[in-house]
């Protein structure tokens, strides 16, 4: 009884993660939600007594893939260094380009 309740809670967290990553507009938040999804999935693999899949999910899903996503976000400047830059819009860039021209 207790184990099945815990399993239902984990499944609910998986559904929430899947839906929230779909509606997330910030790429960094999407990667963090993906990491949480992979960690919850690895816990589920442990509960259903499949430790080899749990280790693989934790290492590849939450570990290596997330690091690759972080490196990619850094290279495409998807992660802003200054939080004030987040409020800038495309219109601000257009106005700045017009002033330079």
PDB file of N, CA and C in Angstrom:
ATOM      1  N   UNK A   1       0.831  -1.196   0.000  1.00  0.00           N
ATOM      2  CA  UNK A   1       0.000   0.000   0.000  1.00  0.00           C
ATOM      3  C   UNK A   1       0.871   1.253   0.000  1.00  0.00           C
ATOM      4  N   UNK A   2       1.841   1.299   0.888  1.00  0.00           N
ATOM      5  CA  UNK A   2       2.708   2.459   1.005  1.00  0.00           C
ATOM      6  C   UNK A   2       3.565   2.649  -0.244  1.00  0.00           C
ATOM      7  N   UNK A   3       4.055   1.532  -0.796  1.00  0.00           N
ATOM      8  CA  UNK A   3       4.888   1.580  -1.984  1.00  0.00           C
ATOM      9  C   UNK A   3       4.100   2.052  -3.194  1.00  0.00           C
ATOM     10  N   UNK A   4       2.853   1.614  -3.310  1.00  0.00           N
ATOM     11  CA  UNK A   4       2.056   2.024  -4.464  1.00  0.00           C
ATOM     12  C   UNK A   4       1.687   3.503  -4.377  1.00  0.00           C
ATOM     13  N   UNK A   5       1.464   4.020  -3.179  1.00  0.00           N
ATOM     14  CA  UNK A   5       1.184   5.443  -3.019  1.00  0.00           C
ATOM     15  C   UNK A   5       2.389   6.268  -3.452  1.00  0.00           C
ATOM     16  N   UNK A   6       3.572   5.833  -3.046  1.00  0.00           N
ATOM     17  CA  UNK A   6       4.807   6.519  -3.446  1.00  0.00           C
ATOM     18  C   UNK A   6       4.980   6.476  -4.964  1.00  0.00           C
ATOM     19  N   UNK A   7       4.631   5.348  -5.573  1.00  0.00           N
ATOM     20  CA  UNK A   7       4.735   5.203  -7.023  1.00  0.00           C
ATOM     21  C   UNK A   7       3.774   6.159  -7.729  1.00  0.00           C
ATOM     22  N   UNK A   8       2.558   6.294  -7.218  1.00  0.00           N
ATOM     23  CA  UNK A   8       1.592   7.216  -7.818  1.00  0.00           C
ATOM     24  C   UNK A   8       2.063   8.666  -7.692  1.00  0.00           C
ATOM     25  N   UNK A   9       2.688   8.997  -6.582  1.00  0.00           N
ATOM     26  CA  UNK A   9       3.223  10.353  -6.410  1.00  0.00           C
ATOM     27  C   UNK A   9       4.333  10.613  -7.424  1.00  0.00           C
ATOM     28  N   UNK A  10       5.216   9.634  -7.603  1.00  0.00           N
ATOM     29  CA  UNK A  10       6.294   9.783  -8.582  1.00  0.00           C
ATOM     30  C   UNK A  10       5.748   9.893 -10.007  1.00  0.00           C
ATOM     31  N   UNK A  11       4.734   9.110 -10.322  1.00  0.00           N
ATOM     32  CA  UNK A  11       4.125   9.199 -11.653  1.00  0.00           C
ATOM     33  C   UNK A  11       3.469  10.562 -11.865  1.00  0.00           C
ATOM     34  N   UNK A  12       2.856  11.100 -10.823  1.00  0.00           N
ATOM     35  CA  UNK A  12       2.263  12.440 -10.927  1.00  0.00           C
ATOM     36  C   UNK A  12       3.353  13.482 -11.166  1.00  0.00           C
ATOM     37  N   UNK A  13       4.491  13.324 -10.495  1.00  0.00           N
ATOM     38  CA  UNK A  13       5.603  14.253 -10.703  1.00  0.00           C
ATOM     39  C   UNK A  13       6.115  14.157 -12.136  1.00  0.00           C
ATOM     40  N   UNK A  14       6.161  12.948 -12.686  1.00  0.00           N
ATOM     41  CA  UNK A  14       6.584  12.777 -14.079  1.00  0.00           C
ATOM     42  C   UNK A  14       5.650  13.507 -15.032  1.00  0.00           C
ATOM     43  N   UNK A  15       4.362  13.390 -14.793  1.00  0.00           N
ATOM     44  CA  UNK A  15       3.380  14.055 -15.658  1.00  0.00           C
ATOM     45  C   UNK A  15       3.516  15.572 -15.547  1.00  0.00           C
ATOM     46  N   UNK A  16       3.695  16.063 -14.324  1.00  0.00           N
ATOM     47  CA  UNK A  16       3.866  17.505 -14.122  1.00  0.00           C
ATOM     48  C   UNK A  16       5.133  17.992 -14.825  1.00  0.00           C
ATOM     49  N   UNK A  17       6.207  17.233 -14.725  1.00  0.00           N
ATOM     50  CA  UNK A  17       7.454  17.618 -15.402  1.00  0.00           C
ATOM     51  C   UNK A  17       7.269  17.647 -16.921  1.00  0.00           C
ATOM     52  N   UNK A  18       6.605  16.642 -17.458  1.00  0.00           N
ATOM     53  CA  UNK A  18       6.409  16.577 -18.907  1.00  0.00           C
ATOM     54  C   UNK A  18       5.561  17.744 -19.401  1.00  0.00           C
ATOM     55  N   UNK A  19       4.526  18.088 -18.669  1.00  0.00           N
ATOM     56  CA  UNK A  19       3.669  19.199 -19.081  1.00  0.00           C
ATOM     57  C   UNK A  19       4.385  20.533 -18.893  1.00  0.00           C
ATOM     58  N   UNK A  20       5.092  20.688 -17.790  1.00  0.00           N
ATOM     59  CA  UNK A  20       5.738  21.981 -17.525  1.00  0.00           C
ATOM     60  C   UNK A  20       6.900  22.250 -18.476  1.00  0.00           C
ATOM     61  N   UNK A  21       7.608  21.226 -18.908  1.00  0.00           N
ATOM     62  CA  UNK A  21       8.694  21.458 -19.865  1.00  0.00           C
ATOM     63  C   UNK A  21       8.113  21.874 -21.223  1.00  0.00           C
ATOM     64  N   UNK A  22       6.899  21.447 -21.501  1.00  0.00           N
ATOM     65  CA  UNK A  22       6.253  21.830 -22.747  1.00  0.00           C
ATOM     66  C   UNK A  22       5.904  23.313 -22.749  1.00  0.00           C
ATOM     67  N   UNK A  23       5.465  23.838 -21.610  1.00  0.00           N
ATOM     68  CA  UNK A  23       5.029  25.226 -21.537  1.00  0.00           C
ATOM     69  C   UNK A  23       6.121  26.186 -21.080  1.00  0.00           C
ATOM     70  N   UNK A  24       7.286  25.682 -20.755  1.00  0.00           N
ATOM     71  CA  UNK A  24       8.368  26.541 -20.284  1.00  0.00           C
ATOM     72  C   UNK A  24       8.954  27.330 -21.450  1.00  0.00           C
ATOM     73  N   UNK A  25       9.091  28.630 -21.257  1.00  0.00           N
ATOM     74  CA  UNK A  25       9.644  29.489 -22.306  1.00  0.00           C
ATOM     75  C   UNK A  25      11.137  29.724 -22.112  1.00  0.00           C
ATOM     76  N   UNK A  26      11.643  29.435 -20.937  1.00  0.00           N
ATOM     77  CA  UNK A  26      13.055  29.619 -20.634  1.00  0.00           C
ATOM     78  C   UNK A  26      13.782  28.299 -20.871  1.00  0.00           C
ATOM     79  N   UNK A  27      14.812  28.335 -21.697  1.00  0.00           N
ATOM     80  CA  UNK A  27      15.529  27.107 -22.043  1.00  0.00           C
ATOM     81  C   UNK A  27      16.230  26.483 -20.840  1.00  0.00           C
ATOM     82  N   UNK A  28      16.770  27.310 -19.960  1.00  0.00           N
ATOM     83  CA  UNK A  28      17.452  26.786 -18.777  1.00  0.00           C
ATOM     84  C   UNK A  28      16.466  26.055 -17.870  1.00  0.00           C
ATOM     85  N   UNK A  29      15.288  26.620 -17.698  1.00  0.00           N
ATOM     86  CA  UNK A  29      14.259  25.942 -16.901  1.00  0.00           C
ATOM     87  C   UNK A  29      13.868  24.610 -17.527  1.00  0.00           C
ATOM     88  N   UNK A  30      13.797  24.567 -18.848  1.00  0.00           N
ATOM     89  CA  UNK A  30      13.456  23.320 -19.529  1.00  0.00           C
ATOM     90  C   UNK A  30      14.494  22.232 -19.267  1.00  0.00           C
ATOM     91  N   UNK A  31      15.770  22.609 -19.276  1.00  0.00           N
ATOM     92  CA  UNK A  31      16.833  21.635 -19.012  1.00  0.00           C
ATOM     93  C   UNK A  31      16.757  21.149 -17.566  1.00  0.00           C
ATOM     94  N   UNK A  32      16.499  22.064 -16.635  1.00  0.00           N
ATOM     95  CA  UNK A  32      16.398  21.664 -15.225  1.00  0.00           C
ATOM     96  C   UNK A  32      15.194  20.752 -14.989  1.00  0.00           C
ATOM     97  N   UNK A  33      14.096  21.031 -15.650  1.00  0.00           N
ATOM     98  CA  UNK A  33      12.917  20.157 -15.534  1.00  0.00           C
ATOM     99  C   UNK A  33      13.221  18.789 -16.134  1.00  0.00           C
ATOM    100  N   UNK A  34      13.949  18.784 -17.254  1.00  0.00           N
ATOM    101  CA  UNK A  34      14.355  17.515 -17.862  1.00  0.00           C
ATOM    102  C   UNK A  34      15.227  16.700 -16.920  1.00  0.00           C
ATOM    103  N   UNK A  35      16.122  17.379 -16.204  1.00  0.00           N
ATOM    104  CA  UNK A  35      16.957  16.687 -15.212  1.00  0.00           C
ATOM    105  C   UNK A  35      16.101  16.076 -14.111  1.00  0.00           C
ATOM    106  N   UNK A  36      15.132  16.832 -13.636  1.00  0.00           N
ATOM    107  CA  UNK A  36      14.241  16.325 -12.586  1.00  0.00           C
ATOM    108  C   UNK A  36      13.461  15.121 -13.089  1.00  0.00           C
ATOM    109  N   UNK A  37      13.000  15.197 -14.330  1.00  0.00           N
ATOM    110  CA  UNK A  37      12.278  14.073 -14.932  1.00  0.00           C
ATOM    111  C   UNK A  37      13.151  12.820 -14.948  1.00  0.00           C
ATOM    112  N   UNK A  38      14.396  12.968 -15.362  1.00  0.00           N
ATOM    113  CA  UNK A  38      15.298  11.817 -15.431  1.00  0.00           C
ATOM    114  C   UNK A  38      15.601  11.247 -14.048  1.00  0.00           C
ATOM    115  N   UNK A  39      15.759  12.106 -13.059  1.00  0.00           N
ATOM    116  CA  UNK A  39      16.027  11.616 -11.707  1.00  0.00           C
ATOM    117  C   UNK A  39      14.815  10.872 -11.131  1.00  0.00           C
ATOM    118  N   UNK A  40      13.630  11.396 -11.349  1.00  0.00           N
ATOM    119  CA  UNK A  40      12.423  10.701 -10.883  1.00  0.00           C
ATOM    120  C   UNK A  40      12.275   9.367 -11.615  1.00  0.00           C
ATOM    121  N   UNK A  41      12.578   9.381 -12.901  1.00  0.00           N
ATOM    122  CA  UNK A  41      12.488   8.130 -13.666  1.00  0.00           C
ATOM    123  C   UNK A  41      13.490   7.093 -13.146  1.00  0.00           C
ATOM    124  N   UNK A  42      14.673   7.536 -12.751  1.00  0.00           N
ATOM    125  CA  UNK A  42      15.645   6.580 -12.203  1.00  0.00           C
ATOM    126  C   UNK A  42      15.175   6.028 -10.857  1.00  0.00           C
ATOM    127  N   UNK A  43      14.487   6.842 -10.049  1.00  0.00           N
ATOM    128  CA  UNK A  43      13.924   6.341  -8.792  1.00  0.00           C
ATOM    129  C   UNK A  43      12.856   5.290  -9.078  1.00  0.00           C
ATOM    130  N   UNK A  44      12.060   5.536 -10.098  1.00  0.00           N
ATOM    131  CA  UNK A  44      11.023   4.552 -10.466  1.00  0.00           C
ATOM    132  C   UNK A  44      11.666   3.244 -10.902  1.00  0.00           C
ATOM    133  N   UNK A  45      12.761   3.327 -11.658  1.00  0.00           N
ATOM    134  CA  UNK A  45      13.446   2.100 -12.077  1.00  0.00           C
ATOM    135  C   UNK A  45      13.958   1.318 -10.863  1.00  0.00           C
ATOM    136  N   UNK A  46      14.424   2.026  -9.839  1.00  0.00           N
ATOM    137  CA  UNK A  46      14.888   1.343  -8.624  1.00  0.00           C
ATOM    138  C   UNK A  46      13.720   0.660  -7.926  1.00  0.00           C
ATOM    139  N   UNK A  47      12.576   1.339  -7.857  1.00  0.00           N
ATOM    140  CA  UNK A  47      11.412   0.774  -7.179  1.00  0.00           C
ATOM    141  C   UNK A  47      10.918  -0.493  -7.871  1.00  0.00           C
ATOM    142  N   UNK A  48      10.970  -0.508  -9.189  1.00  0.00           N
ATOM    143  CA  UNK A  48      10.500  -1.711  -9.891  1.00  0.00           C
ATOM    144  C   UNK A  48      11.628  -2.733 -10.078  1.00  0.00           C
ATOM    145  N   UNK A  49      12.680  -2.543  -9.280  1.00  0.00           N
ATOM    146  CA  UNK A  49      13.785  -3.497  -9.177  1.00  0.00           C
ATOM    147  C   UNK A  49      14.526  -3.718 -10.487  1.00  0.00           C
ATOM    148  N   UNK A  50      14.877  -2.608 -11.102  1.00  0.00           N
ATOM    149  CA  UNK A  50      15.694  -2.653 -12.303  1.00  0.00           C
ATOM    150  C   UNK A  50      16.866  -1.676 -12.140  1.00  0.00           C
ATOM    151  N   UNK A  51      17.841  -2.061 -11.306  1.00  0.00           N
ATOM    152  CA  UNK A  51      18.911  -1.120 -10.965  1.00  0.00           C
ATOM    153  C   UNK A  51      19.824  -0.761 -12.137  1.00  0.00           C
ATOM    154  N   UNK A  52      19.981  -1.662 -13.106  1.00  0.00           N
ATOM    155  CA  UNK A  52      20.822  -1.348 -14.251  1.00  0.00           C
ATOM    156  C   UNK A  52      20.241  -0.195 -15.070  1.00  0.00           C
ATOM    157  N   UNK A  53      18.932  -0.216 -15.252  1.00  0.00           N
ATOM    158  CA  UNK A  53      18.285   0.894 -15.956  1.00  0.00           C
ATOM    159  C   UNK A  53      18.305   2.171 -15.129  1.00  0.00           C
ATOM    160  N   UNK A  54      18.201   2.034 -13.825  1.00  0.00           N
ATOM    161  CA  UNK A  54      18.231   3.206 -12.947  1.00  0.00           C
ATOM    162  C   UNK A  54      19.580   3.913 -13.033  1.00  0.00           C
ATOM    163  N   UNK A  55      20.657   3.140 -12.999  1.00  0.00           N
ATOM    164  CA  UNK A  55      21.991   3.726 -13.094  1.00  0.00           C
ATOM    165  C   UNK A  55      22.194   4.375 -14.457  1.00  0.00           C
ATOM    166  N   UNK A  56      21.738   3.705 -15.507  1.00  0.00           N
ATOM    167  CA  UNK A  56      21.867   4.263 -16.857  1.00  0.00           C
ATOM    168  C   UNK A  56      21.065   5.544 -17.001  1.00  0.00           C
ATOM    169  N   UNK A  57      19.841   5.549 -16.496  1.00  0.00           N
ATOM    170  CA  UNK A  57      18.996   6.745 -16.572  1.00  0.00           C
ATOM    171  C   UNK A  57      19.615   7.906 -15.801  1.00  0.00           C
ATOM    172  N   UNK A  58      20.140   7.623 -14.621  1.00  0.00           N
ATOM    173  CA  UNK A  58      20.749   8.684 -13.824  1.00  0.00           C
ATOM    174  C   UNK A  58      22.021   9.215 -14.492  1.00  0.00           C
ATOM    175  N   UNK A  59      22.837   8.313 -15.022  1.00  0.00           N
ATOM    176  CA  UNK A  59      24.109   8.736 -15.621  1.00  0.00           C
ATOM    177  C   UNK A  59      23.904   9.438 -16.955  1.00  0.00           C
ATOM    178  N   UNK A  60      23.106   8.834 -17.811  1.00  0.00           N
ATOM    179  CA  UNK A  60      22.929   9.384 -19.156  1.00  0.00           C
ATOM    180  C   UNK A  60      21.843  10.458 -19.187  1.00  0.00           C
ATOM    181  N   UNK A  61      20.686  10.138 -18.632  1.00  0.00           N
ATOM    182  CA  UNK A  61      19.560  11.066 -18.704  1.00  0.00           C
ATOM    183  C   UNK A  61      19.781  12.334 -17.915  1.00  0.00           C
ATOM    184  N   UNK A  62      20.130  12.192 -16.647  1.00  0.00           N
ATOM    185  CA  UNK A  62      20.293  13.371 -15.795  1.00  0.00           C
ATOM    186  C   UNK A  62      21.712  13.910 -15.836  1.00  0.00           C
ATOM    187  N   UNK A  63      22.680  13.075 -16.166  1.00  0.00           N
ATOM    188  CA  UNK A  63      24.072  13.498 -16.122  1.00  0.00           C
ATOM    189  C   UNK A  63      24.606  14.020 -17.435  1.00  0.00           C
ATOM    190  N   UNK A  64      24.950  13.117 -18.325  1.00  0.00           N
ATOM    191  CA  UNK A  64      25.642  13.474 -19.562  1.00  0.00           C
ATOM    192  C   UNK A  64      24.769  14.358 -20.457  1.00  0.00           C
ATOM    193  N   UNK A  65      23.515  13.980 -20.636  1.00  0.00           N
ATOM    194  CA  UNK A  65      22.644  14.756 -21.515  1.00  0.00           C
ATOM    195  C   UNK A  65      22.438  16.170 -20.989  1.00  0.00           C
ATOM    196  N   UNK A  66      22.277  16.312 -19.686  1.00  0.00           N
ATOM    197  CA  UNK A  66      22.093  17.646 -19.112  1.00  0.00           C
ATOM    198  C   UNK A  66      23.343  18.500 -19.276  1.00  0.00           C
ATOM    199  N   UNK A  67      24.507  17.902 -19.110  1.00  0.00           N
ATOM    200  CA  UNK A  67      25.753  18.648 -19.310  1.00  0.00           C
ATOM    201  C   UNK A  67      25.860  19.105 -20.765  1.00  0.00           C
ATOM    202  N   UNK A  68      25.499  18.234 -21.702  1.00  0.00           N
ATOM    203  CA  UNK A  68      25.521  18.625 -23.110  1.00  0.00           C
ATOM    204  C   UNK A  68      24.531  19.758 -23.389  1.00  0.00           C
ATOM    205  N   UNK A  69      23.355  19.702 -22.759  1.00  0.00           N
ATOM    206  CA  UNK A  69      22.389  20.787 -22.915  1.00  0.00           C
ATOM    207  C   UNK A  69      22.933  22.096 -22.354  1.00  0.00           C
ATOM    208  N   UNK A  70      23.566  22.043 -21.174  1.00  0.00           N
ATOM    209  CA  UNK A  70      24.135  23.255 -20.578  1.00  0.00           C
ATOM    210  C   UNK A  70      25.226  23.854 -21.458  1.00  0.00           C
ATOM    211  N   UNK A  71      26.095  23.008 -22.009  1.00  0.00           N
ATOM    212  CA  UNK A  71      27.155  23.495 -22.892  1.00  0.00           C
ATOM    213  C   UNK A  71      26.552  24.109 -24.151  1.00  0.00           C
ATOM    214  N   UNK A  72      25.534  23.472 -24.695  1.00  0.00           N
ATOM    215  CA  UNK A  72      24.875  24.008 -25.882  1.00  0.00           C
ATOM    216  C   UNK A  72      24.216  25.347 -25.586  1.00  0.00           C
ATOM    217  N   UNK A  73      23.533  25.461 -24.456  1.00  0.00           N
ATOM    218  CA  UNK A  73      22.908  26.725 -24.086  1.00  0.00           C
ATOM    219  C   UNK A  73      23.942  27.833 -23.933  1.00  0.00           C
ATOM    220  N   UNK A  74      25.086  27.502 -23.376  1.00  0.00           N
ATOM    221  CA  UNK A  74      26.143  28.494 -23.204  1.00  0.00           C
ATOM    222  C   UNK A  74      26.686  28.935 -24.563  1.00  0.00           C
ATOM    223  N   UNK A  75      26.850  27.993 -25.486  1.00  0.00           N
ATOM    224  CA  UNK A  75      27.403  28.324 -26.800  1.00  0.00           C
ATOM    225  C   UNK A  75      26.436  29.145 -27.645  1.00  0.00           C
ATOM    226  N   UNK A  76      25.133  28.893 -27.519  1.00  0.00           N
ATOM    227  CA  UNK A  76      24.164  29.658 -28.303  1.00  0.00           C
ATOM    228  C   UNK A  76      23.669  30.876 -27.536  1.00  0.00           C
ATOM    229  N   UNK A  77      24.288  31.136 -26.397  1.00  0.00           N
ATOM    230  CA  UNK A  77      23.920  32.266 -25.541  1.00  0.00           C
ATOM    231  C   UNK A  77      22.476  32.160 -25.081  1.00  0.00           C
ATOM    232  N   UNK A  78      22.042  30.943 -24.799  1.00  0.00           N
ATOM    233  CA  UNK A  78      20.702  30.715 -24.278  1.00  0.00           C
ATOM    234  C   UNK A  78      20.607  31.028 -22.800  1.00  0.00           C
ATOM    235  N   UNK A  79      21.755  31.100 -22.127  1.00  0.00           N
ATOM    236  CA  UNK A  79      21.803  31.453 -20.711  1.00  0.00           C
ATOM    237  C   UNK A  79      22.366  32.857 -20.620  1.00  0.00           C
ATOM    238  N   UNK A  80      21.591  33.761 -20.045  1.00  0.00           N
ATOM    239  CA  UNK A  80      22.023  35.150 -19.939  1.00  0.00           C
ATOM    240  C   UNK A  80      22.924  35.325 -18.733  1.00  0.00           C
ATOM    241  N   UNK A  81      24.010  36.065 -18.902  1.00  0.00           N
ATOM    242  CA  UNK A  81      24.924  36.320 -17.788  1.00  0.00           C
ATOM    243  C   UNK A  81      24.362  37.360 -16.836  1.00  0.00           C
ATOM    244  N   UNK A  82      23.633  38.326 -17.365  1.00  0.00           N
ATOM    245  CA  UNK A  82      23.097  39.420 -16.573  1.00  0.00           C
ATOM    246  C   UNK A  82      21.571  39.278 -16.513  1.00  0.00           C
ATOM    247  N   UNK A  83      20.972  39.140 -15.345  1.00  0.00           N
ATOM    248  CA  UNK A  83      19.518  38.963 -15.264  1.00  0.00           C
ATOM    249  C   UNK A  83      18.739  40.143 -15.823  1.00  0.00           C
ATOM    250  N   UNK A  84      19.344  41.337 -15.870  1.00  0.00           N
ATOM    251  CA  UNK A  84      18.649  42.490 -16.417  1.00  0.00           C
ATOM    252  C   UNK A  84      18.469  42.380 -17.916  1.00  0.00           C
ATOM    253  N   UNK A  85      19.313  41.585 -18.594  1.00  0.00           N
ATOM    254  CA  UNK A  85      19.215  41.425 -20.042  1.00  0.00           C
ATOM    255  C   UNK A  85      17.955  40.668 -20.433  1.00  0.00           C
ATOM    256  N   UNK A  86      17.384  39.908 -19.508  1.00  0.00           N
ATOM    257  CA  UNK A  86      16.235  39.081 -19.818  1.00  0.00           C
ATOM    258  C   UNK A  86      15.029  39.925 -20.222  1.00  0.00           C
ATOM    259  N   UNK A  87      14.918  41.142 -19.692  1.00  0.00           N
ATOM    260  CA  UNK A  87      13.781  41.996 -19.990  1.00  0.00           C
ATOM    261  C   UNK A  87      13.873  42.672 -21.345  1.00  0.00           C
ATOM    262  N   UNK A  88      15.029  42.634 -21.983  1.00  0.00           N
ATOM    263  CA  UNK A  88      15.177  43.273 -23.274  1.00  0.00           C
ATOM    264  C   UNK A  88      14.385  42.514 -24.317  1.00  0.00           C
ATOM    265  N   UNK A  89      13.813  43.257 -25.233  1.00  0.00           N
ATOM    266  CA  UNK A  89      13.015  42.617 -26.278  1.00  0.00           C
ATOM    267  C   UNK A  89      13.673  42.824 -27.629  1.00  0.00           C
ATOM    268  N   UNK A  90      13.076  42.246 -28.640  1.00  0.00           N
ATOM    269  CA  UNK A  90      13.586  42.385 -29.995  1.00  0.00           C
ATOM    270  C   UNK A  90      13.447  43.826 -30.455  1.00  0.00           C
ATOM    271  N   UNK A  91      12.417  44.516 -29.995  1.00  0.00           N
ATOM    272  CA  UNK A  91      12.213  45.913 -30.370  1.00  0.00           C
ATOM    273  C   UNK A  91      13.376  46.777 -29.887  1.00  0.00           C
ATOM    274  N   UNK A  92      13.901  46.497 -28.701  1.00  0.00           N
ATOM    275  CA  UNK A  92      15.047  47.239 -28.189  1.00  0.00           C
ATOM    276  C   UNK A  92      16.250  47.046 -29.093  1.00  0.00           C
ATOM    277  N   UNK A  93      16.434  45.831 -29.602  1.00  0.00           N
ATOM    278  CA  UNK A  93      17.540  45.566 -30.515  1.00  0.00           C
ATOM    279  C   UNK A  93      17.351  46.298 -31.832  1.00  0.00           C
ATOM    280  N   UNK A  94      16.107  46.364 -32.324  1.00  0.00           N
ATOM    281  CA  UNK A  94      15.835  47.072 -33.566  1.00  0.00           C
ATOM    282  C   UNK A  94      16.124  48.562 -33.427  1.00  0.00           C
ATOM    283  N   UNK A  95      15.731  49.150 -32.284  1.00  0.00           N
ATOM    284  CA  UNK A  95      15.987  50.562 -32.054  1.00  0.00           C
ATOM    285  C   UNK A  95      17.491  50.832 -31.982  1.00  0.00           C
ATOM    286  N   UNK A  96      18.217  49.947 -31.358  1.00  0.00           N
ATOM    287  CA  UNK A  96      19.665  50.108 -31.253  1.00  0.00           C
ATOM    288  C   UNK A  96      20.321  49.999 -32.610  1.00  0.00           C
ATOM    289  N   UNK A  97      19.847  49.088 -33.455  1.00  0.00           N
ATOM    290  CA  UNK A  97      20.399  48.945 -34.803  1.00  0.00           C
ATOM    291  C   UNK A  97      20.097  50.175 -35.655  1.00  0.00           C
ATOM    292  N   UNK A  98      18.921  50.798 -35.467  1.00  0.00           N
ATOM    293  CA  UNK A  98      18.577  51.990 -36.227  1.00  0.00           C
ATOM    294  C   UNK A  98      19.467  53.162 -35.833  1.00  0.00           C
ATOM    295  N   UNK A  99      19.801  53.262 -34.533  1.00  0.00           N
ATOM    296  CA  UNK A  99      20.682  54.334 -34.091  1.00  0.00           C
ATOM    297  C   UNK A  99      22.082  54.188 -34.668  1.00  0.00           C
ATOM    298  N   UNK A 100      22.541  52.943 -34.803  1.00  0.00           N
ATOM    299  CA  UNK A 100      23.883  52.717 -35.373  1.00  0.00           C
ATOM    300  C   UNK A 100      23.918  53.046 -36.846  1.00  0.00           C
ATOM    301  N   UNK A 101      22.817  52.859 -37.536  1.00  0.00           N
ATOM    302  CA  UNK A 101      22.788  53.057 -38.998  1.00  0.00           C
ATOM    303  C   UNK A 101      22.703  54.492 -39.400  1.00  0.00           C
TER     304      UNK A 101
END
